[in-house]
Amino acid sequence: MTPLTSADVLMFLWILIGIMLVVVLYHALFIVVDVRRVLRRVNRITEKVETVVLKPLAIAEQALSSIMELFEHGKKKGKNPFDRKNIG
């Protein structure tokens, strides 16, 4: 049996580093793929929450614009619905 030289130990370490680097890159690939899946799910959930929140706001906006049109139409006729002279 021949004694191990520093070159042999160094070569063994480089081979070990190479193998570990391949393993780390393999795991990093799976982590990136999983993160992309999670981000897609989060994106879908936020889109659903956004639609749930924005639907009532859109309805309120339509109602407010209809009320504003009603008041503007009343002003064009010369009647102010909030004028005390028009009450009773």
N, C-alpha and C. Protein backbone atom coordinates (compact mmCIF):
# COMPACT_ATOMS: atom_id res chain seq x y z
N MET A 1 0.83 -1.17 0.00
CA MET A 1 0.00 0.00 0.00
C MET A 1 0.88 1.24 0.00
N THR A 2 0.55 2.15 -0.92
CA THR A 2 1.37 3.36 -1.03
C THR A 2 0.79 4.45 -0.12
N PRO A 3 1.65 5.26 0.40
CA PRO A 3 1.16 6.33 1.28
C PRO A 3 0.43 7.40 0.46
N LEU A 4 -0.55 8.04 1.12
CA LEU A 4 -1.29 9.10 0.45
C LEU A 4 -0.47 10.38 0.43
N THR A 5 -0.43 10.99 -0.72
CA THR A 5 0.28 12.26 -0.83
C THR A 5 -0.72 13.40 -0.74
N SER A 6 -0.22 14.59 -0.60
CA SER A 6 -1.11 15.77 -0.52
C SER A 6 -1.85 15.97 -1.85
N ALA A 7 -1.26 15.60 -2.94
CA ALA A 7 -1.94 15.71 -4.24
C ALA A 7 -3.12 14.76 -4.31
N ASP A 8 -2.97 13.56 -3.74
CA ASP A 8 -4.08 12.60 -3.72
C ASP A 8 -5.23 13.12 -2.85
N VAL A 9 -4.90 13.67 -1.69
CA VAL A 9 -5.92 14.21 -0.79
C VAL A 9 -6.61 15.39 -1.46
N LEU A 10 -5.84 16.24 -2.11
CA LEU A 10 -6.41 17.40 -2.79
C LEU A 10 -7.32 16.96 -3.94
N MET A 11 -6.93 15.96 -4.69
CA MET A 11 -7.76 15.44 -5.78
C MET A 11 -9.07 14.86 -5.22
N PHE A 12 -8.97 14.12 -4.11
CA PHE A 12 -10.16 13.56 -3.47
C PHE A 12 -11.11 14.68 -3.03
N LEU A 13 -10.56 15.75 -2.45
CA LEU A 13 -11.38 16.88 -2.01
C LEU A 13 -12.07 17.57 -3.19
N TRP A 14 -11.36 17.73 -4.31
CA TRP A 14 -11.97 18.37 -5.49
C TRP A 14 -13.10 17.50 -6.05
N ILE A 15 -12.91 16.20 -6.06
CA ILE A 15 -13.97 15.30 -6.53
C ILE A 15 -15.17 15.38 -5.59
N LEU A 16 -14.90 15.39 -4.28
CA LEU A 16 -15.98 15.51 -3.30
C LEU A 16 -16.73 16.84 -3.44
N ILE A 17 -16.01 17.92 -3.66
CA ILE A 17 -16.63 19.23 -3.87
C ILE A 17 -17.50 19.21 -5.12
N GLY A 18 -17.01 18.60 -6.17
CA GLY A 18 -17.79 18.50 -7.42
C GLY A 18 -19.09 17.74 -7.21
N ILE A 19 -19.02 16.62 -6.51
CA ILE A 19 -20.22 15.82 -6.24
C ILE A 19 -21.21 16.60 -5.38
N MET A 20 -20.69 17.27 -4.36
CA MET A 20 -21.57 18.06 -3.49
C MET A 20 -22.20 19.22 -4.25
N LEU A 21 -21.46 19.82 -5.16
CA LEU A 21 -22.00 20.92 -5.96
C LEU A 21 -23.12 20.43 -6.87
N VAL A 22 -22.96 19.26 -7.45
CA VAL A 22 -24.03 18.69 -8.28
C VAL A 22 -25.27 18.43 -7.44
N VAL A 23 -25.10 17.89 -6.24
CA VAL A 23 -26.24 17.62 -5.36
C VAL A 23 -26.93 18.91 -4.96
N VAL A 24 -26.16 19.95 -4.62
CA VAL A 24 -26.73 21.24 -4.23
C VAL A 24 -27.50 21.86 -5.40
N LEU A 25 -26.96 21.82 -6.59
CA LEU A 25 -27.65 22.37 -7.76
C LEU A 25 -28.93 21.60 -8.06
N TYR A 26 -28.90 20.29 -7.86
CA TYR A 26 -30.09 19.45 -8.07
C TYR A 26 -31.20 19.86 -7.10
N HIS A 27 -30.84 20.05 -5.84
CA HIS A 27 -31.84 20.47 -4.85
C HIS A 27 -32.30 21.90 -5.11
N ALA A 28 -31.40 22.76 -5.52
CA ALA A 28 -31.77 24.15 -5.82
C ALA A 28 -32.79 24.21 -6.97
N LEU A 29 -32.64 23.31 -7.95
CA LEU A 29 -33.59 23.25 -9.05
C LEU A 29 -34.98 22.91 -8.55
N PHE A 30 -35.09 21.92 -7.67
CA PHE A 30 -36.39 21.56 -7.13
C PHE A 30 -36.96 22.67 -6.25
N ILE A 31 -36.12 23.36 -5.51
CA ILE A 31 -36.59 24.48 -4.68
C ILE A 31 -37.14 25.59 -5.56
N VAL A 32 -36.47 25.91 -6.64
CA VAL A 32 -36.94 26.96 -7.54
C VAL A 32 -38.28 26.57 -8.17
N VAL A 33 -38.42 25.34 -8.58
CA VAL A 33 -39.68 24.88 -9.17
C VAL A 33 -40.81 24.95 -8.14
N ASP A 34 -40.54 24.55 -6.90
CA ASP A 34 -41.56 24.62 -5.86
C ASP A 34 -41.93 26.06 -5.53
N VAL A 35 -40.95 26.94 -5.49
CA VAL A 35 -41.23 28.35 -5.23
C VAL A 35 -42.10 28.94 -6.34
N ARG A 36 -41.84 28.56 -7.58
CA ARG A 36 -42.67 29.05 -8.68
C ARG A 36 -44.11 28.56 -8.54
N ARG A 37 -44.30 27.32 -8.13
CA ARG A 37 -45.65 26.80 -7.92
C ARG A 37 -46.36 27.56 -6.81
N VAL A 38 -45.64 27.78 -5.72
CA VAL A 38 -46.24 28.51 -4.59
C VAL A 38 -46.61 29.93 -5.02
N LEU A 39 -45.73 30.58 -5.76
CA LEU A 39 -46.01 31.95 -6.20
C LEU A 39 -47.21 31.99 -7.15
N ARG A 40 -47.36 30.98 -8.00
CA ARG A 40 -48.54 30.92 -8.86
C ARG A 40 -49.81 30.79 -8.04
N ARG A 41 -49.78 29.93 -7.02
CA ARG A 41 -50.95 29.77 -6.16
C ARG A 41 -51.27 31.06 -5.41
N VAL A 42 -50.24 31.71 -4.90
CA VAL A 42 -50.45 32.98 -4.20
C VAL A 42 -51.01 34.02 -5.16
N ASN A 43 -50.53 34.04 -6.39
CA ASN A 43 -51.03 34.98 -7.38
C ASN A 43 -52.51 34.72 -7.67
N ARG A 44 -52.89 33.45 -7.81
CA ARG A 44 -54.30 33.11 -8.04
C ARG A 44 -55.17 33.53 -6.87
N ILE A 45 -54.68 33.29 -5.66
CA ILE A 45 -55.45 33.64 -4.47
C ILE A 45 -55.61 35.16 -4.38
N THR A 46 -54.56 35.90 -4.65
CA THR A 46 -54.67 37.36 -4.58
C THR A 46 -55.60 37.89 -5.66
N GLU A 47 -55.61 37.27 -6.84
CA GLU A 47 -56.55 37.68 -7.88
C GLU A 47 -58.00 37.44 -7.43
N LYS A 48 -58.25 36.30 -6.79
CA LYS A 48 -59.60 36.02 -6.30
C LYS A 48 -60.01 37.00 -5.22
N VAL A 49 -59.09 37.28 -4.30
CA VAL A 49 -59.39 38.25 -3.23
C VAL A 49 -59.64 39.63 -3.83
N GLU A 50 -58.86 39.98 -4.83
CA GLU A 50 -59.03 41.27 -5.49
C GLU A 50 -60.40 41.38 -6.15
N THR A 51 -60.84 40.32 -6.81
CA THR A 51 -62.16 40.38 -7.44
C THR A 51 -63.26 40.44 -6.39
N VAL A 52 -63.08 39.73 -5.28
CA VAL A 52 -64.09 39.77 -4.21
C VAL A 52 -64.17 41.17 -3.61
N VAL A 53 -63.04 41.83 -3.46
CA VAL A 53 -63.02 43.17 -2.87
C VAL A 53 -63.51 44.21 -3.87
N LEU A 54 -63.14 44.07 -5.13
CA LEU A 54 -63.46 45.09 -6.11
C LEU A 54 -64.90 45.04 -6.60
N LYS A 55 -65.56 43.89 -6.52
CA LYS A 55 -66.96 43.81 -6.96
C LYS A 55 -67.86 44.75 -6.17
N PRO A 56 -67.85 44.71 -4.83
CA PRO A 56 -68.70 45.65 -4.10
C PRO A 56 -68.31 47.11 -4.34
N LEU A 57 -67.03 47.36 -4.52
CA LEU A 57 -66.61 48.73 -4.80
C LEU A 57 -67.14 49.21 -6.14
N ALA A 58 -67.14 48.35 -7.13
CA ALA A 58 -67.67 48.71 -8.44
C ALA A 58 -69.17 48.96 -8.36
N ILE A 59 -69.87 48.14 -7.60
CA ILE A 59 -71.32 48.33 -7.43
C ILE A 59 -71.58 49.65 -6.72
N ALA A 60 -70.81 49.96 -5.69
CA ALA A 60 -70.97 51.22 -4.97
C ALA A 60 -70.66 52.40 -5.87
N GLU A 61 -69.67 52.26 -6.71
CA GLU A 61 -69.33 53.33 -7.64
C GLU A 61 -70.46 53.56 -8.63
N GLN A 62 -71.05 52.50 -9.14
CA GLN A 62 -72.18 52.65 -10.06
C GLN A 62 -73.37 53.31 -9.37
N ALA A 63 -73.64 52.91 -8.14
CA ALA A 63 -74.76 53.50 -7.40
C ALA A 63 -74.49 54.97 -7.15
N LEU A 64 -73.28 55.31 -6.76
CA LEU A 64 -72.94 56.71 -6.50
C LEU A 64 -73.02 57.54 -7.77
N SER A 65 -72.57 57.00 -8.88
CA SER A 65 -72.65 57.75 -10.13
C SER A 65 -74.10 57.92 -10.56
N SER A 66 -74.94 56.93 -10.32
CA SER A 66 -76.37 57.06 -10.64
C SER A 66 -77.01 58.14 -9.77
N ILE A 67 -76.68 58.17 -8.50
CA ILE A 67 -77.22 59.19 -7.61
C ILE A 67 -76.74 60.58 -8.02
N MET A 68 -75.47 60.68 -8.40
CA MET A 68 -74.94 61.98 -8.84
C MET A 68 -75.62 62.44 -10.12
N GLU A 69 -75.88 61.51 -11.04
CA GLU A 69 -76.61 61.87 -12.26
C GLU A 69 -78.02 62.34 -11.94
N LEU A 70 -78.66 61.70 -10.96
CA LEU A 70 -80.00 62.09 -10.56
C LEU A 70 -80.00 63.51 -10.01
N PHE A 71 -79.02 63.85 -9.17
CA PHE A 71 -78.94 65.19 -8.62
C PHE A 71 -78.59 66.22 -9.69
N GLU A 72 -77.70 65.86 -10.61
CA GLU A 72 -77.35 66.77 -11.68
C GLU A 72 -78.55 67.01 -12.59
N HIS A 73 -79.33 65.98 -12.82
CA HIS A 73 -80.53 66.12 -13.64
C HIS A 73 -81.53 67.04 -12.94
N GLY A 74 -81.64 66.95 -11.61
CA GLY A 74 -82.52 67.81 -10.83
C GLY A 74 -82.05 69.25 -10.87
N LYS A 75 -80.75 69.48 -10.87
CA LYS A 75 -80.21 70.84 -10.95
C LYS A 75 -80.50 71.46 -12.31
N LYS A 76 -80.48 70.65 -13.36
CA LYS A 76 -80.75 71.17 -14.69
C LYS A 76 -82.18 71.67 -14.80
N LYS A 77 -83.10 71.03 -14.10
CA LYS A 77 -84.49 71.45 -14.12
C LYS A 77 -84.71 72.68 -13.24
N GLY A 78 -83.74 73.03 -12.43
CA GLY A 78 -83.88 74.18 -11.56
C GLY A 78 -84.31 73.81 -10.16
N LYS A 79 -84.52 72.56 -9.89
CA LYS A 79 -84.93 72.12 -8.57
C LYS A 79 -83.72 71.58 -7.83
N ASN A 80 -83.59 71.98 -6.61
CA ASN A 80 -82.54 71.46 -5.75
C ASN A 80 -83.22 70.59 -4.71
N PRO A 81 -82.98 69.30 -4.67
CA PRO A 81 -83.69 68.44 -3.74
C PRO A 81 -83.38 68.77 -2.27
N PHE A 82 -82.27 69.50 -2.03
CA PHE A 82 -81.91 69.84 -0.66
C PHE A 82 -82.31 71.26 -0.27
N ASP A 83 -82.98 71.96 -1.16
CA ASP A 83 -83.39 73.33 -0.91
C ASP A 83 -84.60 73.32 0.03
N ARG A 84 -84.61 74.18 1.07
CA ARG A 84 -85.70 74.21 2.04
C ARG A 84 -86.98 74.77 1.43
N LYS A 85 -86.87 75.51 0.37
CA LYS A 85 -88.05 76.08 -0.26
C LYS A 85 -88.89 75.00 -0.94
N ASN A 86 -88.22 73.91 -1.37
CA ASN A 86 -88.93 72.86 -2.06
C ASN A 86 -89.62 71.87 -1.10
N ILE A 87 -89.30 71.98 0.18
CA ILE A 87 -89.88 71.03 1.14
C ILE A 87 -91.25 71.53 1.55
N GLY A 88 -92.24 70.66 1.50
CA GLY A 88 -93.59 70.89 1.98
C GLY A 88 -94.21 72.04 1.39
